[in-house]
Amino acid sequence: MTEARLLTTNMEKNKVLEQFHYFNIHADVDSVYGNWAVSPDGAVVNCLYPYAILAIHLKDTDWIEKMKTKIWFKPECEENLRKALKRASEILKEIY
């Protein structure tokens, strides 16, 4: 990995961690799908807009439909959110 790419990767990771800490999620990054990041405990956080779906609320609603009601949610981001929600569900199955 080039030094520039490593720096970019570290900056991106720091941005995700800042969002995690904003929502009091004290964890590292499990995975990232577009603007959506997943923590090792199953939380899903948008890294562009301050929005989090905590693991305890993952099954509360149809998050895809709920997010479509948000003015800032772009249709082209739907697939990334689906992937993030799927990964979070997988994590929760592993934990519980």
N, C-alpha and C. Protein backbone atom coordinates (compact mmCIF):
# COMPACT_ATOMS: atom_id res chain seq x y z
N MET A 1 0.86 -1.17 0.00
CA MET A 1 0.00 0.00 0.00
C MET A 1 0.90 1.23 0.00
N THR A 2 0.58 2.19 -0.85
CA THR A 2 1.38 3.40 -0.91
C THR A 2 1.15 4.24 0.33
N GLU A 3 2.09 5.12 0.59
CA GLU A 3 1.97 5.99 1.77
C GLU A 3 0.73 6.89 1.67
N ALA A 4 0.45 7.38 0.46
CA ALA A 4 -0.73 8.24 0.27
C ALA A 4 -2.01 7.46 0.53
N ARG A 5 -2.07 6.22 0.03
CA ARG A 5 -3.27 5.39 0.24
C ARG A 5 -3.42 5.04 1.71
N LEU A 6 -2.33 4.75 2.37
CA LEU A 6 -2.36 4.45 3.80
C LEU A 6 -2.87 5.65 4.59
N LEU A 7 -2.41 6.85 4.23
CA LEU A 7 -2.86 8.06 4.90
C LEU A 7 -4.36 8.26 4.67
N THR A 8 -4.80 8.07 3.44
CA THR A 8 -6.22 8.20 3.12
C THR A 8 -7.04 7.19 3.90
N THR A 9 -6.57 5.95 3.95
CA THR A 9 -7.26 4.91 4.69
C THR A 9 -7.36 5.27 6.17
N ASN A 10 -6.26 5.75 6.75
CA ASN A 10 -6.27 6.15 8.16
C ASN A 10 -7.21 7.32 8.41
N MET A 11 -7.25 8.28 7.48
CA MET A 11 -8.16 9.41 7.62
C MET A 11 -9.60 8.94 7.56
N GLU A 12 -9.91 8.02 6.65
CA GLU A 12 -11.26 7.48 6.53
C GLU A 12 -11.65 6.74 7.80
N LYS A 13 -10.73 5.93 8.32
CA LYS A 13 -11.01 5.18 9.55
C LYS A 13 -11.24 6.15 10.71
N ASN A 14 -10.43 7.19 10.79
CA ASN A 14 -10.60 8.18 11.86
C ASN A 14 -11.97 8.87 11.76
N LYS A 15 -12.42 9.13 10.54
CA LYS A 15 -13.73 9.75 10.36
C LYS A 15 -14.84 8.83 10.88
N VAL A 16 -14.71 7.54 10.58
CA VAL A 16 -15.68 6.57 11.07
C VAL A 16 -15.64 6.51 12.59
N LEU A 17 -14.45 6.45 13.16
CA LEU A 17 -14.33 6.37 14.62
C LEU A 17 -14.89 7.62 15.30
N GLU A 18 -14.73 8.78 14.67
CA GLU A 18 -15.31 10.00 15.21
C GLU A 18 -16.83 9.88 15.28
N GLN A 19 -17.43 9.34 14.24
CA GLN A 19 -18.88 9.14 14.24
C GLN A 19 -19.29 8.12 15.30
N PHE A 20 -18.52 7.05 15.42
CA PHE A 20 -18.80 6.06 16.46
C PHE A 20 -18.79 6.74 17.83
N HIS A 21 -17.78 7.52 18.11
CA HIS A 21 -17.67 8.16 19.42
C HIS A 21 -18.78 9.18 19.62
N TYR A 22 -19.21 9.85 18.56
CA TYR A 22 -20.33 10.80 18.65
C TYR A 22 -21.57 10.10 19.20
N PHE A 23 -21.75 8.84 18.80
CA PHE A 23 -22.91 8.07 19.26
C PHE A 23 -22.57 7.17 20.45
N ASN A 24 -21.45 7.43 21.11
CA ASN A 24 -21.03 6.69 22.28
C ASN A 24 -20.81 5.20 21.98
N ILE A 25 -20.32 4.92 20.78
CA ILE A 25 -19.97 3.56 20.39
C ILE A 25 -18.45 3.45 20.51
N HIS A 26 -18.01 2.75 21.52
CA HIS A 26 -16.57 2.64 21.76
C HIS A 26 -16.07 1.30 21.20
N ALA A 27 -15.87 1.30 19.91
CA ALA A 27 -15.47 0.08 19.23
C ALA A 27 -14.65 0.43 17.99
N ASP A 28 -14.01 -0.56 17.44
CA ASP A 28 -13.28 -0.38 16.20
C ASP A 28 -14.25 -0.57 15.05
N VAL A 29 -13.75 -0.51 13.85
CA VAL A 29 -14.58 -0.64 12.66
C VAL A 29 -14.56 -2.08 12.18
N ASP A 30 -15.73 -2.67 12.03
CA ASP A 30 -15.82 -4.02 11.47
C ASP A 30 -15.77 -3.96 9.95
N SER A 31 -16.62 -3.10 9.37
CA SER A 31 -16.69 -3.01 7.91
C SER A 31 -17.32 -1.69 7.51
N VAL A 32 -17.08 -1.30 6.25
CA VAL A 32 -17.63 -0.06 5.72
C VAL A 32 -18.24 -0.34 4.36
N TYR A 33 -19.43 0.19 4.15
CA TYR A 33 -20.15 0.06 2.87
C TYR A 33 -20.57 1.46 2.45
N GLY A 34 -19.84 2.06 1.55
CA GLY A 34 -20.14 3.45 1.17
C GLY A 34 -20.01 4.36 2.37
N ASN A 35 -21.09 5.06 2.71
CA ASN A 35 -21.09 5.95 3.88
C ASN A 35 -21.54 5.26 5.16
N TRP A 36 -21.80 3.97 5.09
CA TRP A 36 -22.30 3.23 6.24
C TRP A 36 -21.20 2.36 6.83
N ALA A 37 -20.99 2.48 8.14
CA ALA A 37 -19.98 1.68 8.83
C ALA A 37 -20.67 0.80 9.86
N VAL A 38 -20.08 -0.36 10.08
CA VAL A 38 -20.62 -1.33 11.04
C VAL A 38 -19.57 -1.55 12.13
N SER A 39 -20.02 -1.52 13.37
CA SER A 39 -19.12 -1.79 14.49
C SER A 39 -19.14 -3.28 14.81
N PRO A 40 -18.14 -3.77 15.54
CA PRO A 40 -18.11 -5.19 15.90
C PRO A 40 -19.26 -5.64 16.80
N ASP A 41 -20.00 -4.69 17.37
CA ASP A 41 -21.15 -5.08 18.19
C ASP A 41 -22.47 -4.91 17.45
N GLY A 42 -22.40 -4.62 16.12
CA GLY A 42 -23.61 -4.61 15.30
C GLY A 42 -24.28 -3.27 15.10
N ALA A 43 -23.67 -2.19 15.54
CA ALA A 43 -24.24 -0.86 15.28
C ALA A 43 -23.93 -0.45 13.84
N VAL A 44 -24.85 0.27 13.23
CA VAL A 44 -24.67 0.76 11.86
C VAL A 44 -24.73 2.28 11.92
N VAL A 45 -23.67 2.94 11.42
CA VAL A 45 -23.56 4.39 11.52
C VAL A 45 -23.31 4.99 10.15
N ASN A 46 -24.02 6.07 9.86
CA ASN A 46 -23.75 6.81 8.63
C ASN A 46 -22.61 7.76 8.93
N CYS A 47 -21.58 7.73 8.10
CA CYS A 47 -20.39 8.54 8.35
C CYS A 47 -20.46 9.91 7.71
N LEU A 48 -21.46 10.15 6.90
CA LEU A 48 -21.61 11.44 6.25
C LEU A 48 -22.61 12.32 7.01
N TYR A 49 -23.70 11.72 7.44
CA TYR A 49 -24.72 12.41 8.22
C TYR A 49 -24.75 11.77 9.60
N PRO A 50 -24.96 12.55 10.64
CA PRO A 50 -24.97 11.95 11.98
C PRO A 50 -26.23 11.12 12.21
N TYR A 51 -26.13 9.83 11.89
CA TYR A 51 -27.26 8.93 12.07
C TYR A 51 -26.73 7.55 12.44
N ALA A 52 -27.31 6.97 13.46
CA ALA A 52 -26.88 5.64 13.90
C ALA A 52 -28.08 4.74 14.11
N ILE A 53 -27.90 3.48 13.76
CA ILE A 53 -28.88 2.45 14.07
C ILE A 53 -28.17 1.51 15.05
N LEU A 54 -28.48 1.66 16.30
CA LEU A 54 -27.81 0.85 17.32
C LEU A 54 -28.30 -0.59 17.24
N ALA A 55 -27.45 -1.49 17.64
CA ALA A 55 -27.76 -2.92 17.54
C ALA A 55 -29.07 -3.27 18.25
N ILE A 56 -29.34 -2.63 19.37
CA ILE A 56 -30.56 -2.96 20.12
C ILE A 56 -31.83 -2.56 19.36
N HIS A 57 -31.69 -1.70 18.36
CA HIS A 57 -32.85 -1.25 17.57
C HIS A 57 -32.89 -1.84 16.17
N LEU A 58 -31.97 -2.73 15.86
CA LEU A 58 -31.85 -3.24 14.49
C LEU A 58 -33.13 -3.90 13.99
N LYS A 59 -33.84 -4.59 14.88
CA LYS A 59 -35.05 -5.31 14.46
C LYS A 59 -36.33 -4.52 14.71
N ASP A 60 -36.20 -3.27 15.16
CA ASP A 60 -37.37 -2.47 15.50
C ASP A 60 -38.24 -2.09 14.32
N THR A 61 -37.65 -1.95 13.15
CA THR A 61 -38.39 -1.43 12.01
C THR A 61 -37.73 -1.88 10.71
N ASP A 62 -38.36 -1.59 9.60
CA ASP A 62 -37.75 -1.81 8.30
C ASP A 62 -36.89 -0.57 8.03
N TRP A 63 -35.60 -0.70 8.27
CA TRP A 63 -34.72 0.46 8.20
C TRP A 63 -34.58 1.01 6.79
N ILE A 64 -34.67 0.17 5.79
CA ILE A 64 -34.60 0.67 4.41
C ILE A 64 -35.77 1.62 4.16
N GLU A 65 -36.97 1.19 4.51
CA GLU A 65 -38.14 2.04 4.31
C GLU A 65 -38.07 3.30 5.17
N LYS A 66 -37.62 3.16 6.40
CA LYS A 66 -37.51 4.33 7.27
C LYS A 66 -36.50 5.33 6.71
N MET A 67 -35.39 4.84 6.21
CA MET A 67 -34.36 5.74 5.69
C MET A 67 -34.83 6.45 4.43
N LYS A 68 -35.68 5.80 3.66
CA LYS A 68 -36.21 6.43 2.45
C LYS A 68 -37.03 7.68 2.77
N THR A 69 -37.49 7.81 4.01
CA THR A 69 -38.26 8.98 4.40
C THR A 69 -37.36 10.17 4.77
N LYS A 70 -36.07 9.92 4.92
CA LYS A 70 -35.12 10.98 5.27
C LYS A 70 -34.76 11.77 4.02
N ILE A 71 -34.81 13.07 4.11
CA ILE A 71 -34.56 13.91 2.95
C ILE A 71 -33.13 13.75 2.44
N TRP A 72 -32.19 13.44 3.32
CA TRP A 72 -30.78 13.33 2.92
C TRP A 72 -30.42 11.96 2.38
N PHE A 73 -31.32 11.00 2.51
CA PHE A 73 -31.01 9.64 2.04
C PHE A 73 -31.14 9.57 0.52
N LYS A 74 -30.08 9.16 -0.12
CA LYS A 74 -30.04 9.07 -1.58
C LYS A 74 -30.35 7.64 -2.02
N PRO A 75 -31.20 7.46 -3.03
CA PRO A 75 -31.54 6.11 -3.51
C PRO A 75 -30.31 5.28 -3.88
N GLU A 76 -29.29 5.94 -4.39
CA GLU A 76 -28.08 5.20 -4.78
C GLU A 76 -27.31 4.65 -3.57
N CYS A 77 -27.69 5.07 -2.38
CA CYS A 77 -27.04 4.56 -1.16
C CYS A 77 -27.76 3.35 -0.57
N GLU A 78 -28.89 3.01 -1.14
CA GLU A 78 -29.71 1.94 -0.58
C GLU A 78 -28.97 0.61 -0.53
N GLU A 79 -28.27 0.26 -1.57
CA GLU A 79 -27.57 -1.03 -1.61
C GLU A 79 -26.49 -1.11 -0.53
N ASN A 80 -25.78 -0.01 -0.31
CA ASN A 80 -24.76 0.01 0.74
C ASN A 80 -25.40 -0.14 2.12
N LEU A 81 -26.54 0.49 2.33
CA LEU A 81 -27.23 0.33 3.61
C LEU A 81 -27.69 -1.11 3.78
N ARG A 82 -28.20 -1.73 2.73
CA ARG A 82 -28.62 -3.14 2.81
C ARG A 82 -27.44 -4.02 3.23
N LYS A 83 -26.29 -3.78 2.63
CA LYS A 83 -25.09 -4.57 2.97
C LYS A 83 -24.69 -4.35 4.43
N ALA A 84 -24.74 -3.10 4.87
CA ALA A 84 -24.37 -2.80 6.26
C ALA A 84 -25.34 -3.45 7.24
N LEU A 85 -26.64 -3.38 6.94
CA LEU A 85 -27.64 -4.01 7.81
C LEU A 85 -27.48 -5.53 7.83
N LYS A 86 -27.16 -6.09 6.69
CA LYS A 86 -26.94 -7.54 6.62
C LYS A 86 -25.74 -7.94 7.47
N ARG A 87 -24.65 -7.17 7.36
CA ARG A 87 -23.45 -7.48 8.15
C ARG A 87 -23.75 -7.34 9.64
N ALA A 88 -24.48 -6.29 10.01
CA ALA A 88 -24.83 -6.10 11.42
C ALA A 88 -25.66 -7.28 11.93
N SER A 89 -26.59 -7.76 11.11
CA SER A 89 -27.41 -8.92 11.50
C SER A 89 -26.54 -10.16 11.68
N GLU A 90 -25.57 -10.34 10.79
CA GLU A 90 -24.65 -11.48 10.91
C GLU A 90 -23.87 -11.41 12.21
N ILE A 91 -23.40 -10.22 12.53
CA ILE A 91 -22.64 -10.02 13.78
C ILE A 91 -23.51 -10.37 14.99
N LEU A 92 -24.74 -9.89 14.99
CA LEU A 92 -25.63 -10.16 16.12
C LEU A 92 -25.93 -11.65 16.26
N LYS A 93 -26.05 -12.36 15.16
CA LYS A 93 -26.26 -13.81 15.22
C LYS A 93 -25.04 -14.51 15.82
N GLU A 94 -23.85 -14.01 15.50
CA GLU A 94 -22.61 -14.59 16.05
C GLU A 94 -22.51 -14.34 17.55
N ILE A 95 -22.93 -13.15 17.96
CA ILE A 95 -22.83 -12.76 19.38
C ILE A 95 -23.86 -13.51 20.23
N TYR A 96 -25.08 -13.58 19.70
CA TYR A 96 -26.18 -14.19 20.48
C TYR A 96 -26.49 -15.53 19.91
